[in-house]
Amino acid sequence: MTGAVSLGGGRQLKQYITRLLYAIILVMPLHPWLGDALVIIALLLSVWDTLRYSPLSRPAFWLQWCVLGFMGWSFLSALGSARPMWTTMSWLYNVGMYGGIYFLTYRYLRELAQWRVFLRIFMWSAFIVCLVGVYQYMTTSMEFLKQWVDATHFPLLKRRMFATLQNPNLFGEYLLIVLSMAGTGIFQGLKEKRWRLLAWMVPMALFFLVCMTLTYSRAIWLSFACVVVYWGIVIDRRLLLSLLVIPIVLFGYHGEVASRLWSLFDGNDTSAILRWALWDSTTYMIADYPIFGIGWDAFWFEYPHYNYYIQSTNVIIYHAHNMFLNVLAEIGIPGVLFYFTAIYGHAVYALRLPKATISNIVKYGIGAVVVGITVSGLFDHDLFSHQVSVIFWQLLGWASSVLYTYKHKSVEQLENESEK
């Protein structure tokens, strides 16, 4: 009798944690502090579940070891920084949260029905975020928006959309991740002729695309073009024809969008010049601290020692505006190997998945996400954002759960279980 009660209690606790994971993917893009609170509650309940009902097992395959390797090495780098108290606290808040949400999602979302619910909530959350963005775009004062507009080089550009993601580039990165998954889902829906799904997914994706355009983030636009190229290679080569829209816009339209696109070929605007200086300075950090790096989240207080471009103590540079250089500078060569092997490993391993609805979305969707963040990471470091990174690592955890489950169960087994 005691065993039956214990089993029932464990099952109920798992249901609470699963609902919290759904709430996190809904809330995190809208309100990061509330999202953080939900992650902490889910972690505490998971600890209780582990102690009382379901003891932890060793990581099932090498992707989890890479995530743990990244967490462990970045922790060592934080301890060895010039300000270990700050970097260790930052590690707990950032890397601890990334690893926590990754392993929570991996552990508790193991059923086909749960994966579908997760994806739907992921999309509808983005829709709500974009509605907030539209309201903000129409009502925010011009004075507030000046901080993201270079009026000298872009006199036509008056405002940029940022919604609930703090600035336009982060909002663009978030939408890049969302559109990578949404677009892949649409292609799968077309293949299976799921018209009811497409009836709301296609308009929603077009809405996301318009909002991404209104961020006026050139790196994000370029990244999305590369995602389309990826889709064209792995899904349908006819998609490559959609890229013909770009030269049409460049030569047939002379508004703000065209102005920003043309500026990709001009290295004279302030953001491009600043990036070159930042990247050059960051290479000196890497040369000085190749193994453990300067410490997790230590860039902002170490950069003044290497800065030759902005000679002002009042200007704080939080990251290198290049994901690869920034991560390498902060956690060293071993850390960066763990970090990027974990990220790219999910995309590569997903290619082994069998043909089925969810597995195809993971197979090509995670690949599209990784292509997008790779290209945008060459020009910025949007995963510096705690909010964007928690969303990204939860998505990786969801993909990892799909990968693990399909490794141990057939498509038929999963579909039969979902029908019970």
Foldseek 3Di string as FASTA:
>chain_A
DVVVVLVVVLVVLLVVLLVLLLVLLQPLLQDVVVSLVSLVVSLVSVVVSCVRPNPDDPDPDDLLVLLVLLLVLLCVLLCPAPDNVVQNVVSCSFSVLLNSLLVSLLPRQQAPVSLVSSLVSNLVSLLVQLVQQVVCQVDPDQVVQVVPDDCVQQVQDRHATDRNQPALVLLLLSLLLNLLLLVLLLLLCVVVVVVVVCVPSVVSSVSSVVNSLRRLDQLSVVLSLVLLVLCLVPPNVVSPVVCVVVVCCCPVPDHRSNSSNVCVVPCPDPLNVLLVQLLVLLVVLCVVPAAQANHRQCCQVPSVVSHDDDPDPVDTDRANQAQLSGQCRHGHDSSSCSVVCSLVVLQVLLCPFDDDSVSSSSNRSSVSSVSSCNSSNGGGNSCVDSSSSSSVSSVSSNSSSVSVSVVPDPPVVSVVVVVD
